[in-house]
Protein backbone atom coordinates (compact mmCIF):
# COMPACT_ATOMS: atom_id res chain seq x y z
CA MET A 1 5.24 -67.83 110.67
CA ALA A 2 4.90 -71.05 108.30
CA GLU A 3 5.38 -71.02 104.47
CA PHE A 4 2.67 -72.51 102.40
CA HIS A 5 2.88 -73.50 98.79
CA TYR A 6 -0.36 -72.93 96.81
CA GLN A 7 -1.87 -73.75 93.45
CA GLY A 8 -5.01 -72.02 92.57
CA VAL A 9 -6.59 -69.47 90.15
CA ASN A 10 -6.86 -65.69 90.15
CA ASP A 11 -9.92 -63.48 89.39
CA SER A 12 -9.67 -63.87 85.69
CA GLY A 13 -9.61 -67.71 86.13
CA SER A 14 -5.86 -68.13 84.98
CA PRO A 15 -3.79 -70.49 86.87
CA VAL A 16 -1.37 -69.17 89.81
CA SER A 17 0.99 -70.77 92.12
CA GLY A 18 3.58 -69.59 94.60
CA MET A 19 4.34 -69.39 98.39
CA VAL A 20 2.68 -67.44 101.07
CA GLN A 21 3.63 -66.80 104.75
CA ALA A 22 1.10 -67.07 107.45
CA ALA A 23 0.62 -68.24 111.13
CA ASP A 24 -1.60 -71.30 109.97
CA ARG A 25 -3.70 -72.38 107.06
CA ARG A 26 -6.65 -70.20 107.69
CA ALA A 27 -4.57 -67.20 107.63
CA ALA A 28 -2.83 -68.38 104.58
CA ILE A 29 -6.20 -68.58 102.85
CA ALA A 30 -7.28 -65.23 103.94
CA HIS A 31 -4.06 -63.89 102.69
CA LEU A 32 -4.58 -65.41 99.30
CA LYS A 33 -8.15 -64.04 99.17
CA GLU A 34 -6.86 -60.41 99.65
CA ARG A 35 -4.65 -61.03 96.69
CA GLY A 36 -7.36 -62.04 94.62
CA HIS A 37 -6.19 -65.83 94.45
CA PHE A 38 -8.44 -68.78 94.77
CA ALA A 39 -6.56 -71.66 96.25
CA THR A 40 -7.16 -75.42 94.90
CA ARG A 41 -4.23 -76.71 96.85
CA LEU A 42 -2.49 -75.64 99.87
CA ALA A 43 0.29 -77.43 101.56
CA GLU A 44 3.01 -76.28 104.17
CA LYS A 45 6.45 -76.32 102.95
CA ASN A 46 8.31 -79.64 103.07
CA GLU A 47 4.93 -81.44 103.45
CA SER A 48 4.68 -84.36 101.16
CA GLU A 49 0.77 -83.79 101.02
CA PRO A 50 -1.81 -81.09 102.04
CA ALA A 51 -2.30 -81.04 105.85
CA THR A 52 -6.07 -81.54 105.23
CA ALA A 53 -5.80 -84.26 102.96
CA ILE A 54 -8.00 -87.14 103.84
CA ARG A 55 -6.15 -90.21 104.61
CA SER A 56 -7.50 -93.67 103.85
CA SER A 57 -8.69 -94.75 107.35
CA GLU A 58 -9.08 -98.32 106.18
CA SER A 59 -5.27 -98.76 107.02
CA PHE A 60 -6.05 -97.80 110.50
CA LYS A 61 -8.82 -100.17 111.07
CA SER A 62 -8.11 -103.28 112.94
CA LEU A 63 -10.20 -106.42 112.93
CA GLY A 64 -10.97 -106.22 116.66
CA SER A 65 -12.31 -102.56 116.16
CA PHE A 66 -14.50 -103.81 113.21
CA LEU A 67 -16.02 -106.50 115.12
CA ARG A 68 -16.95 -104.32 118.23
CA PHE A 69 -18.13 -101.23 116.17
CA GLY A 70 -20.10 -102.62 113.38
CA VAL A 71 -22.52 -100.85 111.27
CA GLY A 72 -25.67 -99.93 113.23
CA ARG A 73 -24.11 -100.37 116.72
CA VAL A 74 -23.32 -96.71 116.85
CA SER A 75 -26.29 -94.60 115.53
CA SER A 76 -26.10 -91.25 114.09
CA ARG A 77 -27.93 -89.81 116.94
CA ASP A 78 -25.02 -90.95 119.12
CA ILE A 79 -22.49 -89.09 116.87
CA LEU A 80 -24.69 -86.05 116.97
CA ALA A 81 -24.91 -85.97 120.81
CA PHE A 82 -21.04 -86.59 121.09
CA THR A 83 -20.37 -83.68 118.67
CA THR A 84 -22.75 -81.23 120.51
CA GLN A 85 -21.12 -82.14 123.93
CA LEU A 86 -17.75 -81.96 122.67
CA SER A 87 -18.33 -78.57 121.12
CA ALA A 88 -19.87 -77.17 124.33
CA ALA A 89 -17.07 -78.36 126.43
CA LEU A 90 -14.34 -77.26 124.22
CA ARG A 91 -16.06 -73.68 124.31
CA ALA A 92 -16.00 -73.79 128.06
CA GLY A 93 -12.34 -73.84 127.76
CA LEU A 94 -11.76 -77.58 128.63
CA PRO A 95 -8.74 -79.38 127.54
CA LEU A 96 -9.54 -82.05 124.70
CA LEU A 97 -8.71 -85.08 126.96
CA ASP A 98 -10.94 -83.80 129.85
CA CYS A 99 -13.80 -83.32 127.37
CA LEU A 100 -13.54 -86.89 126.16
CA ARG A 101 -13.26 -88.28 129.59
CA ILE A 102 -16.55 -86.34 130.72
CA ILE A 103 -18.40 -87.37 127.67
CA GLU A 104 -17.42 -90.86 128.12
CA LYS A 105 -18.56 -91.13 131.69
CA GLN A 106 -21.93 -89.65 130.74
CA SER A 107 -22.37 -92.01 127.79
CA GLY A 108 -25.18 -94.69 128.22
CA ASN A 109 -24.48 -96.63 125.13
CA LYS A 110 -21.97 -99.39 126.11
CA VAL A 111 -20.48 -99.66 122.55
CA PHE A 112 -20.00 -95.99 122.17
CA LYS A 113 -18.51 -95.70 125.69
CA GLU A 114 -15.81 -98.38 124.46
CA LEU A 115 -15.28 -96.35 121.31
CA LEU A 116 -14.73 -93.22 123.41
CA ARG A 117 -12.17 -94.90 125.69
CA ASP A 118 -10.21 -95.93 122.48
CA LEU A 119 -10.27 -92.29 121.37
CA ILE A 120 -9.24 -91.21 124.84
CA HIS A 121 -6.29 -93.91 124.73
CA GLY A 122 -5.37 -92.54 121.20
CA VAL A 123 -5.17 -89.05 122.03
CA SER A 124 -3.32 -89.52 125.43
CA SER A 125 -0.64 -91.54 123.67
CA GLY A 126 0.15 -88.47 121.24
CA GLU A 127 -2.13 -89.31 118.35
CA SER A 128 -4.32 -86.79 116.96
CA LEU A 129 -8.04 -86.96 117.33
CA SER A 130 -8.75 -87.27 113.73
CA ASP A 131 -6.22 -89.95 113.20
CA THR A 132 -7.77 -91.92 116.04
CA MET A 133 -11.27 -91.30 114.50
CA GLY A 134 -9.92 -92.50 111.27
CA ARG A 135 -9.84 -95.93 112.31
CA TYR A 136 -13.44 -96.24 112.25
CA PRO A 137 -14.40 -95.16 108.88
CA ARG A 138 -18.34 -96.51 109.08
CA ILE A 139 -18.85 -94.40 112.02
CA PHE A 140 -16.86 -90.96 111.23
CA ARG A 141 -17.44 -90.25 107.59
CA PRO A 142 -14.89 -88.21 105.37
CA LEU A 143 -16.54 -85.02 106.09
CA TYR A 144 -16.45 -85.53 109.78
CA LEU A 145 -12.70 -86.45 109.63
CA ALA A 146 -12.03 -83.32 107.43
CA MET A 147 -13.61 -80.88 109.68
CA ILE A 148 -11.95 -82.46 112.91
CA ARG A 149 -8.50 -82.35 111.14
CA VAL A 150 -9.10 -78.53 110.06
CA GLY A 151 -9.87 -77.77 113.70
CA GLU A 152 -6.89 -79.63 115.14
CA THR A 153 -4.52 -78.04 112.51
CA GLY A 154 -5.71 -74.38 112.83
CA GLY A 155 -6.60 -74.52 116.68
CA ILE A 156 -10.14 -73.88 116.11
CA LEU A 157 -11.56 -77.37 117.21
CA GLU A 158 -14.46 -75.52 119.03
CA ASN A 159 -15.72 -73.77 115.96
CA THR A 160 -15.49 -76.76 113.55
CA THR A 161 -17.23 -78.95 116.13
CA ALA A 162 -20.09 -76.44 116.46
CA GLN A 163 -20.33 -76.38 112.45
CA LEU A 164 -20.38 -80.39 112.55
CA SER A 165 -23.09 -80.14 115.21
CA GLN A 166 -25.29 -78.09 112.84
CA LEU A 167 -24.65 -80.15 109.94
CA LEU A 168 -25.52 -83.35 111.83
CA LYS A 169 -28.62 -81.78 113.28
CA ARG A 170 -29.71 -80.78 109.65
CA GLU A 171 -29.29 -84.44 108.45
CA GLU A 172 -31.02 -85.90 111.45
CA GLN A 173 -33.90 -83.52 110.75
CA ILE A 174 -34.19 -84.53 107.17
CA LYS A 175 -34.26 -88.21 108.20
CA SER A 176 -36.90 -87.34 111.01
CA ASN A 177 -39.00 -85.59 108.42
CA ILE A 178 -38.95 -88.27 106.07
CA ARG A 179 -39.90 -91.02 108.43
CA ASN A 180 -42.68 -88.99 110.00
CA ALA A 181 -44.12 -88.00 106.70
CA SER A 182 -43.89 -91.57 105.22
CA ALA A 183 -45.44 -93.36 108.32
CA TYR A 184 -48.86 -92.85 107.27
CA PRO A 185 -48.61 -93.67 103.50
CA LEU A 186 -46.75 -96.86 104.49
CA PHE A 187 -49.48 -97.76 107.03
CA VAL A 188 -52.21 -97.17 104.17
CA LEU A 189 -50.31 -99.28 101.73
CA GLY A 190 -49.76 -102.21 104.17
CA ILE A 191 -53.49 -102.22 105.32
CA GLY A 192 -54.59 -102.08 101.54
CA LEU A 193 -52.17 -105.08 100.28
CA VAL A 194 -53.43 -107.25 103.51
CA SER A 195 -56.90 -106.61 102.66
CA ILE A 196 -56.45 -107.60 98.95
CA LEU A 197 -54.72 -110.75 99.81
CA VAL A 198 -57.50 -111.68 102.45
CA VAL A 199 -60.21 -111.01 99.58
CA ILE A 200 -58.43 -113.06 97.05
CA THR A 201 -57.24 -115.94 99.08
CA TRP A 202 -60.21 -116.53 101.64
CA ILE A 203 -63.46 -114.45 100.69
CA LEU A 204 -63.50 -114.98 96.88
CA PRO A 205 -63.19 -118.67 96.85
CA ARG A 206 -66.06 -119.17 99.49
CA ILE A 207 -68.39 -117.01 97.39
CA VAL A 208 -67.53 -118.54 94.09
CA GLY A 209 -68.12 -121.96 95.53
CA VAL A 210 -71.68 -121.12 96.27
CA VAL A 211 -72.16 -119.49 92.80
CA GLN A 212 -70.78 -122.53 91.13
CA GLU A 213 -73.05 -124.87 92.95
CA SER A 214 -76.08 -123.01 91.48
CA GLY A 215 -74.66 -123.67 88.00
CA VAL A 216 -74.34 -120.00 86.94
CA ALA A 217 -71.62 -119.17 84.56
CA LEU A 218 -68.86 -116.99 86.30
CA PRO A 219 -68.09 -113.69 84.55
CA LEU A 220 -64.55 -112.92 83.03
CA PRO A 221 -63.40 -110.62 85.99
CA THR A 222 -64.28 -113.22 88.57
CA ARG A 223 -62.66 -116.11 86.63
CA ILE A 224 -59.50 -114.02 86.26
CA LEU A 225 -59.50 -113.34 90.19
CA LEU A 226 -60.26 -116.85 90.86
CA GLY A 227 -57.16 -118.10 88.83
CA LEU A 228 -55.15 -115.48 90.67
CA SER A 229 -56.33 -116.93 93.94
CA ASP A 230 -55.64 -120.63 92.77
CA PHE A 231 -52.01 -119.31 91.64
CA ILE A 232 -51.20 -117.65 95.09
CA ALA A 233 -52.58 -120.84 97.00
CA GLY A 234 -50.44 -123.12 94.95
CA PHE A 235 -47.39 -121.24 94.12
CA GLY A 236 -47.29 -118.22 96.55
CA TRP A 237 -44.41 -119.48 98.49
CA ILE A 238 -42.27 -119.74 95.07
CA VAL A 239 -43.18 -115.94 94.35
CA ALA A 240 -42.31 -115.03 97.82
CA LEU A 241 -39.01 -116.73 97.57
CA ALA A 242 -38.37 -115.55 94.16
CA GLY A 243 -39.26 -111.96 95.28
CA MET A 244 -36.80 -112.12 98.29
CA ALA A 245 -34.04 -113.66 95.93
CA GLY A 246 -34.69 -110.78 93.46
CA ALA A 247 -34.44 -108.19 96.08
CA TYR A 248 -31.13 -109.76 97.36
CA LEU A 249 -29.61 -109.79 94.04
CA LEU A 250 -30.78 -106.09 93.23
CA HIS A 251 -29.33 -105.03 96.46
CA ARG A 252 -25.75 -106.66 95.64
CA TRP A 253 -25.77 -105.12 92.21
CA ILE A 254 -26.59 -101.78 93.55
CA GLN A 255 -23.41 -102.22 95.77
CA THR A 256 -21.37 -102.58 92.56
CA PRO A 257 -19.88 -99.37 90.94
CA ARG A 258 -21.97 -99.82 87.82
CA GLY A 259 -25.11 -100.87 89.50
CA ARG A 260 -24.88 -97.92 91.80
CA TRP A 261 -24.43 -95.43 89.06
CA HIS A 262 -27.41 -96.69 87.04
CA TRP A 263 -29.45 -96.95 90.23
CA ASP A 264 -28.80 -93.30 91.34
CA SER A 265 -29.26 -92.07 87.73
CA MET A 266 -32.59 -93.63 87.63
CA LYS A 267 -33.74 -92.14 90.80
CA LEU A 268 -32.85 -88.53 89.50
CA LYS A 269 -35.14 -89.23 86.32
CA LEU A 270 -38.23 -90.38 88.30
CA PRO A 271 -41.06 -87.86 87.45
CA VAL A 272 -41.67 -86.73 91.37
CA PHE A 273 -38.95 -88.42 93.37
CA GLY A 274 -36.34 -87.25 91.12
CA SER A 275 -36.88 -83.45 92.18
CA VAL A 276 -36.90 -84.33 95.66
CA PHE A 277 -33.55 -86.16 95.55
CA LYS A 278 -31.81 -83.40 93.70
CA THR A 279 -33.23 -80.74 95.96
CA LEU A 280 -31.98 -82.72 98.91
CA ALA A 281 -28.67 -83.16 97.26
CA VAL A 282 -28.16 -79.41 96.50
CA GLY A 283 -28.95 -78.41 99.94
CA ARG A 284 -26.43 -80.75 101.43
CA PHE A 285 -23.77 -79.94 99.00
CA THR A 286 -24.02 -76.13 99.55
CA ARG A 287 -23.92 -76.45 103.27
CA MET A 288 -21.09 -78.91 103.30
CA LEU A 289 -19.14 -77.11 100.88
CA GLY A 290 -19.63 -73.83 102.67
CA ALA A 291 -18.56 -75.29 105.96
CA LEU A 292 -15.37 -77.06 104.73
CA SER A 293 -14.42 -73.64 102.94
CA SER A 294 -15.22 -71.72 106.17
CA GLY A 295 -12.88 -74.26 107.80
CA GLY A 296 -9.88 -73.41 105.60
CA ILE A 297 -9.93 -76.24 103.28
CA ALA A 298 -9.05 -75.68 99.81
CA ILE A 299 -11.94 -75.94 97.28
CA LEU A 300 -10.47 -78.96 95.51
CA GLU A 301 -10.15 -80.94 98.56
CA SER A 302 -13.61 -79.79 99.68
CA LEU A 303 -14.92 -81.06 96.53
CA HIS A 304 -13.55 -84.67 97.06
CA VAL A 305 -14.94 -84.74 100.50
CA VAL A 306 -18.35 -83.56 99.72
CA ARG A 307 -18.40 -86.04 96.83
CA ASP A 308 -18.70 -88.91 99.16
CA THR A 309 -21.54 -87.23 101.16
CA LEU A 310 -24.22 -86.61 98.56
CA GLY A 311 -25.52 -90.05 98.62
CA ASN A 312 -25.74 -90.25 94.92
CA GLU A 313 -23.04 -91.71 92.61
CA ARG A 314 -24.43 -89.92 89.49
CA LEU A 315 -23.97 -86.68 91.26
CA GLY A 316 -20.74 -87.72 92.75
CA ARG A 317 -19.20 -88.43 89.31
CA GLU A 318 -20.48 -84.85 88.32
CA ILE A 319 -18.49 -83.62 91.14
CA ASP A 320 -15.48 -85.48 89.91
CA ARG A 321 -15.76 -83.84 86.54
CA VAL A 322 -16.19 -80.35 88.20
CA ALA A 323 -13.02 -81.08 90.25
CA GLY A 324 -11.06 -82.06 87.20
CA LEU A 325 -11.96 -78.97 85.36
CA VAL A 326 -11.31 -76.72 88.58
CA LYS A 327 -7.88 -78.41 88.82
CA THR A 328 -7.11 -77.23 85.31
CA GLY A 329 -7.68 -73.81 86.18
CA GLU A 330 -11.49 -73.51 85.49
CA SER A 331 -13.67 -71.28 88.10
CA LEU A 332 -16.14 -73.50 89.98
CA ALA A 333 -19.19 -71.74 88.83
CA LYS A 334 -18.73 -72.64 85.13
CA PRO A 335 -18.58 -76.40 85.27
CA LEU A 336 -21.44 -76.47 87.99
CA GLY A 337 -23.56 -74.37 85.54
CA GLU A 338 -22.82 -76.66 82.59
CA SER A 339 -23.71 -79.81 84.56
CA GLY A 340 -27.41 -79.15 84.56
CA TYR A 341 -27.76 -80.82 88.02
CA PHE A 342 -27.43 -77.51 89.95
CA PRO A 343 -29.83 -74.63 90.03
CA PRO A 344 -28.97 -71.11 88.62
CA LEU A 345 -29.24 -69.49 91.95
CA LEU A 346 -26.42 -71.75 93.35
CA VAL A 347 -24.24 -71.12 90.17
CA GLN A 348 -24.72 -67.34 90.52
CA ILE A 349 -23.98 -67.39 94.19
CA VAL A 350 -20.72 -69.51 93.70
CA SER A 351 -19.63 -67.11 90.86
CA VAL A 352 -20.11 -63.91 93.05
CA GLY A 353 -18.43 -65.72 96.01
CA GLU A 354 -15.44 -66.62 93.75
CA GLN A 355 -15.20 -62.84 92.65
CA THR A 356 -15.46 -61.47 95.96
CA GLY A 357 -13.48 -64.05 98.04
CA LYS A 358 -16.56 -64.68 100.09
CA LEU A 359 -17.42 -68.01 98.92
CA ASP A 360 -17.91 -69.63 102.22
CA GLU A 361 -20.12 -66.84 103.83
CA LEU A 362 -22.38 -67.01 100.67
CA LEU A 363 -22.74 -70.82 100.48
CA LEU A 364 -23.58 -70.95 104.27
CA GLY A 365 -26.08 -68.12 103.83
CA ALA A 366 -27.74 -69.88 100.80
CA ALA A 367 -27.76 -73.14 102.43
CA ASP A 368 -30.85 -72.19 104.57
CA THR A 369 -32.72 -71.30 101.32
CA PHE A 370 -31.95 -74.59 99.61
CA ASP A 371 -32.79 -76.52 102.83
CA GLU A 372 -36.27 -74.66 103.07
CA GLN A 373 -36.80 -75.64 99.28
CA ALA A 374 -35.95 -79.31 100.25
CA ASP A 375 -38.43 -79.25 103.18
CA ASN A 376 -41.13 -77.74 101.06
CA ALA A 377 -40.47 -80.41 98.30
CA ILE A 378 -40.68 -83.23 100.90
CA ASN A 379 -43.74 -81.78 102.39
CA ARG A 380 -45.61 -81.35 98.86
CA PHE A 381 -44.78 -84.97 97.89
CA MET A 382 -45.60 -86.41 101.22
CA SER A 383 -48.99 -84.71 101.28
CA ILE A 384 -49.97 -85.79 97.65
CA LEU A 385 -48.61 -89.55 98.20
CA PRO A 386 -51.41 -90.71 100.77
CA ALA A 387 -54.20 -89.32 98.56
CA MET A 388 -52.53 -91.11 95.52
CA LEU A 389 -52.53 -94.36 97.49
CA VAL A 390 -55.90 -94.06 98.75
CA VAL A 391 -57.38 -93.54 95.15
CA LEU A 392 -55.34 -96.35 94.01
CA LEU A 393 -56.39 -98.73 96.58
CA ALA A 394 -60.08 -97.64 96.16
CA VAL A 395 -59.78 -98.31 92.29
CA VAL A 396 -58.34 -102.01 92.99
CA ILE A 397 -60.69 -102.75 95.93
CA GLY A 398 -63.60 -101.40 93.83
CA CYS A 399 -62.63 -103.76 90.98
CA LEU A 400 -62.30 -106.61 93.60
CA ILE A 401 -65.88 -106.02 95.05
CA ALA A 402 -67.45 -105.88 91.58
CA ALA A 403 -65.67 -109.10 90.69
CA ILE A 404 -67.00 -110.80 93.65
CA LEU A 405 -70.57 -109.27 93.45
CA LEU A 406 -71.10 -109.96 89.79
CA PRO A 407 -71.67 -113.69 90.12
CA VAL A 408 -74.01 -113.23 93.27
CA VAL A 409 -76.12 -110.68 91.13
CA MET A 410 -76.13 -112.98 88.07
CA MET A 411 -77.34 -115.74 90.49
CA GLU A 412 -80.04 -113.55 91.96
CA LEU A 413 -81.22 -112.69 88.39
CA GLY A 414 -81.09 -116.14 87.36
CA ALA A 415 -83.21 -117.12 90.33
CA GLY A 416 -85.68 -114.56 89.74
CA SER A 417 -86.22 -115.26 85.96
CA ILE A 418 -87.26 -118.68 86.97
């Protein structure tokens, strides 16, 4: 039996602390739930930090590893396939090293095969799997490392890898849905822009040239389009360079903490996009917090991990505020409700979960509901967007055609009057 020191809150929300004896961290959290205590910090006696604390993986990253495993060379689908295979092999009763060796032999990605060899070398030399994975923070995210560390500490790696596989499948499904739904709108928008450029830069000058030879005065819409055509022909390359430079500077600004915060705040306030972003974030928050809680990670540490996986700095700072209040003894439900970014249903579920000690079960059960809402929001938006683009392009092209045909009609009327 091991001794664990804990800090947390009781059923009434008052701060509590003390020692609990249990076989492992998961059993310790179960004992605390039976007492009506909700742990925010849990560390084995004589440990300098909680066993599930996420260590900074930047210190483990070597230059050679960074050069070999850069961004984009190991895809999220590779990580999903690896996690699914690892979970299946562990459930079959194979030792961890044998699982890694089997997956390494079956891998068709040369870069990922090298990564697996490094994981095998680290584990075979006595290093934990999570510490070895921590050398590659751009490939294995904080959530992934937290779940693997919990599985190793509690001897339930097959269960945590199965949960990770479900989480990653959900993320891949969302990406696939967005890509498939946005393919047609992007195609329509691209064709429309190309058509407009062809009309303005090639068709319009030829027609206007014929009309001007007849001596007919050009109407105002045609003169405006003709000026735009001349501007594009003479300064289009400058506009293109300025646009690329502006896009680059905007990208650099978004990478800064201040820029990221303002950009993510603006995304949440957009009329239609904002609700979609918020719904996706709520579903991800619910599922990941439930998975971490069921894995035995204390709620405060779970909030710190989930904060970096939401994909929105504005919501991330809101989670920081919630975590700060929980650290002082507040319940989780109250600051979530006060934030205004989380739906009342989630707040009620968290409140009931805290009172009954079944927060992880309720969150995982509610995650499917929020994911369904997110899918419906995406489908609604993507079904409306193509129609909006078609109407917009029809109006623009209609104005272009009118501006082109007006001088022709005036020329015909002038010839008929003669």
